[in-house]
Amino acid sequence: MGYQFDDGQSGGDSGSGGKTFVNWHAQQTKDGEIKAESFSMRDEDKNRIDITPKFIKGVAFLLSGLKTGWTFSNGTPGVSPEWVWNESPAKFDQPEPPAINGQKWKKGFVLPLAIDHDTAGVWQQGGAGSWKGLTNLMRAVQEDGGDGDVAVLAMQQEVERISFKMGSTSSPTWKFMKWSKAPACLKEADDEC
């Protein structure tokens, strides 16, 4: 049967642990700290560090913790984004909420992951590039055809560039490695939530 995931476009049943937030950067950060088409996280001193090499080597995603829905942020530092969650990642069942001050909501998600054996994190993000990165990951998982054993190990492969009528973005693509037991750091982070 495989893992069920709805990308919000197919119309139905198509086939957060951690405190460290991980981000996909389609564009270089304004301060130049993180280059375009890379992943970052903040260290203990809240400095952003590039962790793309860890994703290329492979990370463990805790699919049982995946949540999808709509997110809204006005970009104010220190203000958490608003979320409207789907009942399950298997069906994108929530309509897009009304725009706020002319700004539309974005498809988003929360996905716990283990960056390495000792570091749990969460990829919580909204927007076209990160959403496409998630759908690319789920496509790789679904192509395997297994139901899995809690976590999936996947490696970042190439970067997919996406053009729109006005603008562009990019997203990571993935290679499924194997199903795995959840690393201890993910179990500990899950217990804290």
N, C-alpha and C. Protein backbone atom coordinates (compact mmCIF):
# COMPACT_ATOMS: atom_id res chain seq x y z
N MET A 1 0.81 -1.19 0.00
CA MET A 1 0.00 0.00 0.00
C MET A 1 0.85 1.25 0.00
N GLY A 2 1.91 1.32 0.75
CA GLY A 2 2.79 2.47 0.76
C GLY A 2 2.31 3.58 1.68
N TYR A 3 3.15 4.56 1.88
CA TYR A 3 2.83 5.70 2.73
C TYR A 3 1.91 6.64 1.98
N GLN A 4 0.82 7.08 2.60
CA GLN A 4 -0.18 7.93 1.96
C GLN A 4 0.17 9.40 2.14
N PHE A 5 0.13 10.17 1.06
CA PHE A 5 0.46 11.60 1.10
C PHE A 5 -0.30 12.30 -0.01
N ASP A 6 -0.96 13.42 0.31
CA ASP A 6 -1.68 14.22 -0.67
C ASP A 6 -0.93 15.52 -0.87
N ASP A 7 -0.51 15.80 -2.09
CA ASP A 7 0.27 17.00 -2.39
C ASP A 7 -0.59 18.25 -2.52
N GLY A 8 -1.88 18.15 -2.26
CA GLY A 8 -2.76 19.30 -2.30
C GLY A 8 -3.18 19.68 -3.71
N GLN A 9 -2.80 18.89 -4.70
CA GLN A 9 -3.18 19.16 -6.07
C GLN A 9 -3.92 17.98 -6.68
N SER A 10 -3.71 16.78 -6.14
CA SER A 10 -4.31 15.60 -6.74
C SER A 10 -5.73 15.35 -6.24
N GLY A 11 -6.14 16.05 -5.20
CA GLY A 11 -7.52 15.98 -4.76
C GLY A 11 -7.87 14.78 -3.92
N GLY A 12 -6.93 14.18 -3.22
CA GLY A 12 -7.33 13.11 -2.32
C GLY A 12 -6.24 12.15 -1.98
N ASP A 13 -6.62 10.90 -1.85
CA ASP A 13 -5.74 9.88 -1.33
C ASP A 13 -4.74 9.40 -2.35
N SER A 14 -3.74 10.19 -2.60
CA SER A 14 -2.62 9.71 -3.39
C SER A 14 -1.63 9.13 -2.41
N GLY A 15 -1.33 7.99 -3.50
CA GLY A 15 -0.44 7.27 -2.68
C GLY A 15 0.62 8.23 -2.02
N SER A 16 5.94 17.33 16.12
CA SER A 16 7.25 17.91 15.83
C SER A 16 8.23 17.87 16.99
N GLY A 17 8.84 16.65 16.38
CA GLY A 17 9.84 16.53 17.43
C GLY A 17 11.02 17.44 17.17
N GLY A 18 11.79 17.70 18.21
CA GLY A 18 13.02 18.46 18.03
C GLY A 18 12.81 19.94 18.27
N LYS A 19 13.88 20.60 18.65
CA LYS A 19 13.85 22.03 18.92
C LYS A 19 14.68 22.79 17.90
N THR A 20 15.47 22.11 17.10
CA THR A 20 16.33 22.74 16.11
C THR A 20 15.55 22.88 14.81
N PHE A 21 15.33 24.12 14.38
CA PHE A 21 14.59 24.35 13.15
C PHE A 21 15.53 24.36 11.96
N VAL A 22 15.14 23.62 10.94
CA VAL A 22 15.90 23.48 9.70
C VAL A 22 15.16 24.25 8.62
N ASN A 23 15.90 24.96 7.77
CA ASN A 23 15.29 25.70 6.66
C ASN A 23 15.95 25.35 5.35
N TRP A 24 15.13 25.31 4.30
CA TRP A 24 15.62 25.23 2.93
C TRP A 24 15.69 26.66 2.41
N HIS A 25 16.79 27.01 1.79
CA HIS A 25 16.98 28.35 1.24
C HIS A 25 17.05 28.26 -0.28
N ALA A 26 15.95 28.62 -0.94
CA ALA A 26 15.96 28.67 -2.41
C ALA A 26 16.84 29.83 -2.87
N GLN A 27 16.85 30.91 -2.09
CA GLN A 27 17.66 32.10 -2.39
C GLN A 27 18.70 32.28 -1.29
N GLN A 28 19.76 32.97 -1.61
CA GLN A 28 20.77 33.31 -0.60
C GLN A 28 20.12 34.20 0.46
N THR A 29 20.52 34.04 1.73
CA THR A 29 19.98 34.90 2.77
C THR A 29 20.44 36.33 2.54
N LYS A 30 19.65 37.28 3.01
CA LYS A 30 19.96 38.70 2.80
C LYS A 30 21.32 39.09 3.37
N ASP A 31 21.71 38.46 4.48
CA ASP A 31 23.00 38.78 5.09
C ASP A 31 24.15 38.02 4.44
N GLY A 32 23.84 37.15 3.48
CA GLY A 32 24.88 36.41 2.77
C GLY A 32 25.46 35.23 3.53
N GLU A 33 24.96 34.96 4.74
CA GLU A 33 25.48 33.85 5.56
C GLU A 33 25.26 32.49 4.90
N ILE A 34 24.10 32.32 4.30
CA ILE A 34 23.72 31.02 3.74
C ILE A 34 23.48 31.20 2.24
N LYS A 35 24.14 30.39 1.46
CA LYS A 35 24.00 30.50 0.01
C LYS A 35 22.67 29.91 -0.46
N ALA A 36 22.32 30.24 -1.69
CA ALA A 36 21.10 29.71 -2.29
C ALA A 36 21.19 28.20 -2.43
N GLU A 37 20.02 27.56 -2.43
CA GLU A 37 19.88 26.13 -2.67
C GLU A 37 20.64 25.31 -1.63
N SER A 38 20.37 25.64 -0.36
CA SER A 38 21.04 24.94 0.73
C SER A 38 20.12 24.84 1.94
N PHE A 39 20.50 23.99 2.88
CA PHE A 39 19.80 23.83 4.15
C PHE A 39 20.62 24.49 5.26
N SER A 40 19.93 25.04 6.25
CA SER A 40 20.62 25.60 7.40
C SER A 40 19.87 25.28 8.68
N MET A 41 20.56 25.46 9.79
CA MET A 41 19.96 25.41 11.13
C MET A 41 20.71 26.42 11.98
N ARG A 42 20.17 26.70 13.13
CA ARG A 42 20.85 27.62 14.06
C ARG A 42 21.60 26.82 15.11
N ASP A 43 22.81 27.30 15.44
CA ASP A 43 23.59 26.62 16.48
C ASP A 43 23.18 27.14 17.86
N GLU A 44 23.90 26.72 18.90
CA GLU A 44 23.56 27.11 20.28
C GLU A 44 23.57 28.62 20.47
N ASP A 45 24.39 29.34 19.70
CA ASP A 45 24.48 30.79 19.80
C ASP A 45 23.52 31.50 18.84
N LYS A 46 22.62 30.74 18.23
CA LYS A 46 21.61 31.24 17.28
C LYS A 46 22.21 31.75 15.97
N ASN A 47 23.43 31.32 15.67
CA ASN A 47 24.03 31.62 14.37
C ASN A 47 23.58 30.57 13.37
N ARG A 48 23.29 30.99 12.15
CA ARG A 48 22.90 30.04 11.11
C ARG A 48 24.15 29.33 10.59
N ILE A 49 24.01 28.02 10.42
CA ILE A 49 25.11 27.25 9.83
C ILE A 49 24.57 26.40 8.68
N ASP A 50 25.37 26.26 7.66
CA ASP A 50 25.00 25.47 6.48
C ASP A 50 25.16 23.99 6.83
N ILE A 51 24.08 23.24 6.68
CA ILE A 51 24.11 21.80 6.97
C ILE A 51 23.81 20.98 5.72
N THR A 52 23.94 21.60 4.55
CA THR A 52 23.67 20.89 3.30
C THR A 52 24.48 19.61 3.17
N PRO A 53 25.79 19.60 3.54
CA PRO A 53 26.55 18.34 3.42
C PRO A 53 25.92 17.18 4.20
N LYS A 54 25.27 17.46 5.32
CA LYS A 54 24.61 16.40 6.08
C LYS A 54 23.42 15.84 5.31
N PHE A 55 22.69 16.71 4.59
CA PHE A 55 21.55 16.26 3.78
C PHE A 55 22.02 15.47 2.57
N ILE A 56 23.15 15.84 2.01
CA ILE A 56 23.70 15.10 0.86
C ILE A 56 24.16 13.72 1.31
N LYS A 57 24.69 13.62 2.53
CA LYS A 57 25.11 12.33 3.08
C LYS A 57 23.90 11.47 3.43
N GLY A 58 22.84 12.13 3.93
CA GLY A 58 21.60 11.42 4.27
C GLY A 58 21.12 11.77 5.67
N VAL A 59 19.82 11.98 5.81
CA VAL A 59 19.20 12.27 7.10
C VAL A 59 18.00 11.35 7.28
N ALA A 60 17.55 11.22 8.52
CA ALA A 60 16.39 10.37 8.83
C ALA A 60 15.18 11.26 9.06
N PHE A 61 14.11 11.01 8.30
CA PHE A 61 12.86 11.75 8.43
C PHE A 61 11.85 10.89 9.18
N LEU A 62 11.22 11.45 10.20
CA LEU A 62 10.23 10.74 11.00
C LEU A 62 8.85 10.99 10.40
N LEU A 63 8.45 10.14 9.45
CA LEU A 63 7.20 10.36 8.72
C LEU A 63 5.97 10.32 9.61
N SER A 64 6.05 9.59 10.72
CA SER A 64 4.89 9.55 11.62
C SER A 64 4.62 10.91 12.24
N GLY A 65 5.59 11.83 12.20
CA GLY A 65 5.41 13.17 12.74
C GLY A 65 5.07 14.22 11.70
N LEU A 66 4.92 13.82 10.43
CA LEU A 66 4.63 14.77 9.36
C LEU A 66 3.23 15.36 9.52
N LYS A 67 3.15 16.69 9.45
CA LYS A 67 1.88 17.42 9.43
C LYS A 67 1.93 18.36 8.23
N THR A 68 0.81 18.47 7.51
CA THR A 68 0.73 19.37 6.36
C THR A 68 -0.46 20.30 6.53
N GLY A 69 -0.40 21.44 5.86
CA GLY A 69 -1.51 22.38 5.93
C GLY A 69 -1.14 23.71 5.30
N TRP A 70 -1.77 24.75 5.79
CA TRP A 70 -1.55 26.11 5.30
C TRP A 70 -0.83 26.91 6.38
N THR A 71 0.10 27.76 5.97
CA THR A 71 0.82 28.60 6.92
C THR A 71 0.81 30.05 6.46
N PHE A 72 0.82 30.95 7.43
CA PHE A 72 0.87 32.38 7.12
C PHE A 72 1.85 33.04 8.06
N SER A 73 2.72 33.85 7.49
CA SER A 73 3.66 34.65 8.28
C SER A 73 3.81 36.00 7.58
N ASN A 74 3.80 37.05 8.38
CA ASN A 74 4.04 38.36 7.78
C ASN A 74 5.53 38.73 7.82
N GLY A 75 6.36 37.81 8.28
CA GLY A 75 7.80 38.02 8.27
C GLY A 75 8.36 38.76 9.47
N THR A 76 7.53 39.05 10.46
CA THR A 76 8.00 39.76 11.64
C THR A 76 8.88 38.83 12.48
N PRO A 77 10.15 39.23 12.72
CA PRO A 77 11.04 38.38 13.53
C PRO A 77 10.45 38.13 14.92
N GLY A 78 10.55 36.89 15.36
CA GLY A 78 10.07 36.52 16.69
C GLY A 78 8.59 36.20 16.76
N VAL A 79 7.87 36.37 15.66
CA VAL A 79 6.44 36.06 15.65
C VAL A 79 6.24 34.73 14.92
N SER A 80 5.69 33.77 15.62
CA SER A 80 5.47 32.44 15.03
C SER A 80 4.44 32.51 13.92
N PRO A 81 4.60 31.68 12.89
CA PRO A 81 3.60 31.65 11.82
C PRO A 81 2.29 31.04 12.32
N GLU A 82 1.21 31.38 11.63
CA GLU A 82 -0.09 30.77 11.89
C GLU A 82 -0.20 29.52 11.04
N TRP A 83 -0.95 28.51 11.53
CA TRP A 83 -1.11 27.25 10.81
C TRP A 83 -2.58 26.82 10.81
N VAL A 84 -3.00 26.22 9.72
CA VAL A 84 -4.26 25.50 9.62
C VAL A 84 -3.87 24.11 9.11
N TRP A 85 -4.04 23.10 9.98
CA TRP A 85 -3.54 21.76 9.68
C TRP A 85 -4.58 20.89 8.99
N ASN A 86 -4.11 20.02 8.11
CA ASN A 86 -4.94 18.95 7.56
C ASN A 86 -5.14 17.90 8.64
N GLU A 87 -6.20 17.11 8.49
CA GLU A 87 -6.44 16.02 9.44
C GLU A 87 -5.33 14.99 9.38
N SER A 88 -4.77 14.79 8.17
CA SER A 88 -3.73 13.78 7.96
C SER A 88 -2.92 14.17 6.73
N PRO A 89 -1.64 13.78 6.67
CA PRO A 89 -0.87 14.04 5.45
C PRO A 89 -1.41 13.27 4.24
N ALA A 90 -2.26 12.28 4.48
CA ALA A 90 -2.81 11.48 3.39
C ALA A 90 -3.89 12.21 2.59
N LYS A 91 -4.39 13.33 3.14
CA LYS A 91 -5.42 14.08 2.42
C LYS A 91 -5.29 15.57 2.76
N PHE A 92 -5.06 16.37 1.73
CA PHE A 92 -5.01 17.83 1.91
C PHE A 92 -6.45 18.32 1.91
N ASP A 93 -7.05 18.36 3.12
CA ASP A 93 -8.49 18.56 3.23
C ASP A 93 -8.91 19.96 3.66
N GLN A 94 -7.98 20.84 3.91
CA GLN A 94 -8.33 22.18 4.36
C GLN A 94 -8.29 23.17 3.19
N PRO A 95 -9.33 23.97 3.00
CA PRO A 95 -9.29 24.99 1.95
C PRO A 95 -8.32 26.10 2.36
N GLU A 96 -7.79 26.80 1.36
CA GLU A 96 -6.89 27.90 1.67
C GLU A 96 -7.65 28.99 2.42
N PRO A 97 -7.13 29.40 3.59
CA PRO A 97 -7.80 30.48 4.34
C PRO A 97 -7.74 31.80 3.56
N PRO A 98 -8.62 32.74 3.90
CA PRO A 98 -8.62 34.04 3.22
C PRO A 98 -7.29 34.77 3.44
N ALA A 99 -6.88 35.55 2.45
CA ALA A 99 -5.66 36.34 2.54
C ALA A 99 -5.75 37.30 3.72
N ILE A 100 -4.59 37.64 4.26
CA ILE A 100 -4.50 38.61 5.35
C ILE A 100 -3.74 39.82 4.82
N ASN A 101 -4.39 40.97 4.82
CA ASN A 101 -3.78 42.20 4.29
C ASN A 101 -3.21 41.98 2.90
N GLY A 102 -3.95 41.23 2.08
CA GLY A 102 -3.53 40.99 0.70
C GLY A 102 -2.48 39.91 0.53
N GLN A 103 -2.01 39.31 1.63
CA GLN A 103 -0.99 38.25 1.54
C GLN A 103 -1.68 36.89 1.64
N LYS A 104 -1.34 36.01 0.68
CA LYS A 104 -1.93 34.68 0.64
C LYS A 104 -1.22 33.73 1.60
N TRP A 105 -1.93 32.70 2.02
CA TRP A 105 -1.36 31.62 2.81
C TRP A 105 -0.55 30.73 1.87
N LYS A 106 0.39 29.96 2.44
CA LYS A 106 1.22 29.06 1.64
C LYS A 106 1.06 27.63 2.16
N LYS A 107 1.20 26.68 1.25
CA LYS A 107 1.24 25.28 1.68
C LYS A 107 2.50 25.10 2.52
N GLY A 108 2.34 24.40 3.63
CA GLY A 108 3.48 24.20 4.52
C GLY A 108 3.42 22.88 5.24
N PHE A 109 4.44 22.62 6.03
CA PHE A 109 4.55 21.33 6.71
C PHE A 109 5.49 21.42 7.89
N VAL A 110 5.38 20.42 8.74
CA VAL A 110 6.31 20.17 9.83
C VAL A 110 6.74 18.72 9.69
N LEU A 111 8.06 18.49 9.68
CA LEU A 111 8.58 17.13 9.53
C LEU A 111 9.79 16.95 10.44
N PRO A 112 9.65 16.17 11.52
CA PRO A 112 10.79 15.89 12.38
C PRO A 112 11.86 15.10 11.63
N LEU A 113 13.12 15.35 11.98
CA LEU A 113 14.21 14.64 11.32
C LEU A 113 15.41 14.54 12.25
N ALA A 114 16.28 13.60 11.93
CA ALA A 114 17.56 13.47 12.62
C ALA A 114 18.65 13.89 11.64
N ILE A 115 19.34 14.96 11.98
CA ILE A 115 20.40 15.48 11.12
C ILE A 115 21.62 14.56 11.19
N ASP A 116 21.84 14.00 12.36
CA ASP A 116 22.85 12.97 12.58
C ASP A 116 22.38 12.15 13.78
N HIS A 117 23.21 11.26 14.30
CA HIS A 117 22.78 10.38 15.39
C HIS A 117 22.40 11.14 16.66
N ASP A 118 22.98 12.33 16.86
CA ASP A 118 22.78 13.06 18.10
C ASP A 118 21.91 14.31 17.97
N THR A 119 21.56 14.71 16.76
CA THR A 119 20.89 15.99 16.56
C THR A 119 19.52 15.83 15.92
N ALA A 120 18.48 16.04 16.74
CA ALA A 120 17.11 16.04 16.22
C ALA A 120 16.76 17.45 15.79
N GLY A 121 15.92 17.54 14.79
CA GLY A 121 15.47 18.84 14.33
C GLY A 121 14.09 18.72 13.74
N VAL A 122 13.61 19.83 13.24
CA VAL A 122 12.31 19.84 12.58
C VAL A 122 12.40 20.77 11.37
N TRP A 123 11.96 20.24 10.22
CA TRP A 123 11.87 21.05 9.00
C TRP A 123 10.45 21.57 8.98
N GLN A 124 10.28 22.83 9.38
CA GLN A 124 8.97 23.47 9.43
C GLN A 124 9.04 24.67 8.51
N GLN A 125 8.29 24.61 7.42
CA GLN A 125 8.43 25.66 6.43
C GLN A 125 7.22 25.70 5.51
N GLY A 126 6.98 26.85 4.92
CA GLY A 126 5.94 27.02 3.93
C GLY A 126 6.50 27.75 2.73
N GLY A 127 5.89 27.53 1.59
CA GLY A 127 6.33 28.18 0.36
C GLY A 127 6.56 27.17 -0.74
N ALA A 128 6.63 27.67 -1.95
CA ALA A 128 6.68 26.80 -3.13
C ALA A 128 7.92 25.91 -3.16
N GLY A 129 9.11 26.45 -2.87
CA GLY A 129 10.33 25.65 -2.94
C GLY A 129 10.40 24.56 -1.89
N SER A 130 10.08 24.90 -0.66
CA SER A 130 10.12 23.89 0.40
C SER A 130 9.00 22.86 0.21
N TRP A 131 7.79 23.33 -0.20
CA TRP A 131 6.69 22.39 -0.43
C TRP A 131 7.05 21.39 -1.53
N LYS A 132 7.65 21.89 -2.62
CA LYS A 132 8.07 20.99 -3.70
C LYS A 132 9.15 20.04 -3.20
N GLY A 133 10.03 20.52 -2.31
CA GLY A 133 11.03 19.63 -1.71
C GLY A 133 10.38 18.50 -0.94
N LEU A 134 9.31 18.81 -0.19
CA LEU A 134 8.58 17.76 0.53
C LEU A 134 7.91 16.81 -0.45
N THR A 135 7.25 17.33 -1.49
CA THR A 135 6.58 16.42 -2.43
C THR A 135 7.60 15.56 -3.17
N ASN A 136 8.80 16.10 -3.43
CA ASN A 136 9.86 15.28 -4.04
C ASN A 136 10.29 14.16 -3.09
N LEU A 137 10.41 14.47 -1.80
CA LEU A 137 10.77 13.45 -0.81
C LEU A 137 9.69 12.38 -0.75
N MET A 138 8.42 12.79 -0.70
CA MET A 138 7.35 11.81 -0.59
C MET A 138 7.23 10.97 -1.85
N ARG A 139 7.53 11.53 -3.01
CA ARG A 139 7.53 10.74 -4.25
C ARG A 139 8.60 9.65 -4.15
N ALA A 140 9.79 10.00 -3.64
CA ALA A 140 10.86 9.01 -3.50
C ALA A 140 10.44 7.91 -2.52
N VAL A 141 9.75 8.29 -1.44
CA VAL A 141 9.29 7.31 -0.46
C VAL A 141 8.22 6.41 -1.09
N GLN A 142 7.27 7.00 -1.80
CA GLN A 142 6.19 6.22 -2.41
C GLN A 142 6.71 5.28 -3.48
N GLU A 143 7.74 5.68 -4.21
CA GLU A 143 8.31 4.81 -5.25
C GLU A 143 8.92 3.56 -4.66
N ASP A 144 9.37 3.65 -3.39
CA ASP A 144 9.90 2.46 -2.73
C ASP A 144 8.80 1.45 -2.51
N GLY A 145 7.60 1.93 -2.22
CA GLY A 145 6.45 1.04 -2.08
C GLY A 145 6.26 0.43 -0.72
N GLY A 146 7.17 0.62 0.21
CA GLY A 146 7.03 0.02 1.53
C GLY A 146 6.28 0.92 2.48
N ASP A 147 5.76 0.33 3.55
CA ASP A 147 5.10 1.11 4.58
C ASP A 147 6.11 1.69 5.56
N GLY A 148 7.27 1.09 5.62
CA GLY A 148 8.33 1.64 6.45
C GLY A 148 8.26 1.20 7.89
N ASP A 149 9.28 1.61 8.60
CA ASP A 149 9.41 1.28 10.00
C ASP A 149 9.73 2.56 10.75
N VAL A 150 8.85 3.50 10.75
CA VAL A 150 8.91 4.77 11.46
C VAL A 150 9.70 5.85 10.71
N ALA A 151 10.98 5.64 10.43
CA ALA A 151 11.80 6.68 9.81
C ALA A 151 12.27 6.24 8.42
N VAL A 152 12.48 7.22 7.57
CA VAL A 152 13.03 6.94 6.25
C VAL A 152 14.36 7.68 6.14
N LEU A 153 15.37 6.99 5.65
CA LEU A 153 16.66 7.62 5.38
C LEU A 153 16.67 8.02 3.92
N ALA A 154 17.00 9.28 3.67
CA ALA A 154 17.04 9.80 2.30
C ALA A 154 18.21 10.76 2.16
N MET A 155 18.74 10.82 0.95
CA MET A 155 19.86 11.71 0.62
C MET A 155 19.38 12.78 -0.34
N GLN A 156 19.81 14.02 -0.10
CA GLN A 156 19.52 15.06 -1.07
C GLN A 156 20.34 14.79 -2.32
N GLN A 157 19.70 14.90 -3.46
CA GLN A 157 20.36 14.68 -4.74
C GLN A 157 20.62 16.03 -5.40
N GLU A 158 19.94 16.29 -6.48
CA GLU A 158 20.13 17.53 -7.21
C GLU A 158 19.14 18.58 -6.72
N VAL A 159 19.24 19.75 -7.33
CA VAL A 159 18.30 20.83 -7.05
C VAL A 159 17.44 21.02 -8.29
N GLU A 160 16.13 21.07 -8.07
CA GLU A 160 15.19 21.30 -9.16
C GLU A 160 14.87 22.79 -9.21
N ARG A 161 15.04 23.40 -10.36
CA ARG A 161 14.72 24.82 -10.52
C ARG A 161 13.33 24.95 -11.14
N ILE A 162 12.52 25.83 -10.56
CA ILE A 162 11.12 25.97 -10.94
C ILE A 162 10.86 27.42 -11.33
N SER A 163 10.27 27.61 -12.51
CA SER A 163 9.94 28.96 -12.99
C SER A 163 8.44 29.17 -12.95
N PHE A 164 8.04 30.39 -12.58
CA PHE A 164 6.64 30.80 -12.56
C PHE A 164 6.48 31.97 -13.52
N LYS A 165 5.25 32.42 -13.69
CA LYS A 165 5.02 33.59 -14.54
C LYS A 165 5.80 34.79 -14.02
N MET A 166 5.84 34.92 -12.70
CA MET A 166 6.57 36.02 -12.07
C MET A 166 7.50 35.43 -11.02
N GLY A 167 8.75 35.18 -11.39
CA GLY A 167 9.71 34.69 -10.42
C GLY A 167 10.08 33.24 -10.60
N SER A 168 10.87 32.76 -9.66
CA SER A 168 11.32 31.38 -9.69
C SER A 168 11.71 30.94 -8.29
N THR A 169 11.91 29.66 -8.15
CA THR A 169 12.37 29.10 -6.89
C THR A 169 13.14 27.82 -7.19
N SER A 170 13.56 27.13 -6.16
CA SER A 170 14.23 25.84 -6.34
C SER A 170 13.85 24.93 -5.18
N SER A 171 14.05 23.64 -5.39
CA SER A 171 13.72 22.67 -4.36
C SER A 171 14.70 21.51 -4.41
N PRO A 172 14.92 20.86 -3.26
CA PRO A 172 15.79 19.69 -3.25
C PRO A 172 15.07 18.47 -3.83
N THR A 173 15.82 17.58 -4.43
CA THR A 173 15.31 16.28 -4.84
C THR A 173 16.00 15.24 -3.97
N TRP A 174 15.43 14.05 -3.90
CA TRP A 174 15.87 13.05 -2.91
C TRP A 174 16.07 11.67 -3.52
N LYS A 175 16.95 10.93 -2.89
CA LYS A 175 17.12 9.51 -3.18
C LYS A 175 16.76 8.75 -1.91
N PHE A 176 15.77 7.87 -2.03
CA PHE A 176 15.39 7.00 -0.91
C PHE A 176 16.55 6.04 -0.65
N MET A 177 16.96 5.92 0.61
CA MET A 177 18.02 4.97 0.97
C MET A 177 17.43 3.70 1.59
N LYS A 178 16.69 3.87 2.70
CA LYS A 178 16.09 2.71 3.36
C LYS A 178 15.16 3.15 4.47
N TRP A 179 14.32 2.21 4.91
CA TRP A 179 13.51 2.41 6.10
C TRP A 179 14.37 2.07 7.31
N SER A 180 14.10 2.71 8.44
CA SER A 180 14.95 2.53 9.61
C SER A 180 14.14 2.74 10.89
N LYS A 181 14.63 2.20 11.96
CA LYS A 181 14.10 2.56 13.28
C LYS A 181 14.44 4.02 13.50
N ALA A 182 13.63 4.72 14.26
CA ALA A 182 13.91 6.12 14.55
C ALA A 182 15.17 6.22 15.39
N PRO A 183 16.11 7.10 15.01
CA PRO A 183 17.30 7.30 15.84
C PRO A 183 16.92 7.75 17.25
N ALA A 184 17.76 7.45 18.20
CA ALA A 184 17.46 7.75 19.62
C ALA A 184 17.18 9.23 19.82
N CYS A 185 17.87 10.11 19.12
CA CYS A 185 17.64 11.54 19.32
C CYS A 185 16.22 11.94 18.90
N LEU A 186 15.65 11.26 17.91
CA LEU A 186 14.26 11.55 17.52
C LEU A 186 13.29 11.03 18.57
N LYS A 187 13.56 9.87 19.13
CA LYS A 187 12.69 9.34 20.18
C LYS A 187 12.71 10.25 21.39
N GLU A 188 13.90 10.75 21.76
CA GLU A 188 14.02 11.66 22.92
C GLU A 188 13.29 12.97 22.63
N ALA A 189 13.44 13.52 21.43
CA ALA A 189 12.76 14.77 21.08
C ALA A 189 11.26 14.57 21.08
N ASP A 190 10.78 13.42 20.59
CA ASP A 190 9.35 13.13 20.57
C ASP A 190 8.80 13.04 21.97
N ASP A 191 9.58 12.48 22.91
CA ASP A 191 9.14 12.37 24.30
C ASP A 191 9.00 13.73 24.95
N GLU A 192 9.81 14.72 24.50
CA GLU A 192 9.77 16.06 25.09
C GLU A 192 8.57 16.85 24.62
N CYS A 193 7.97 16.46 23.48
CA CYS A 193 6.85 17.24 22.93
C CYS A 193 5.54 16.88 23.59
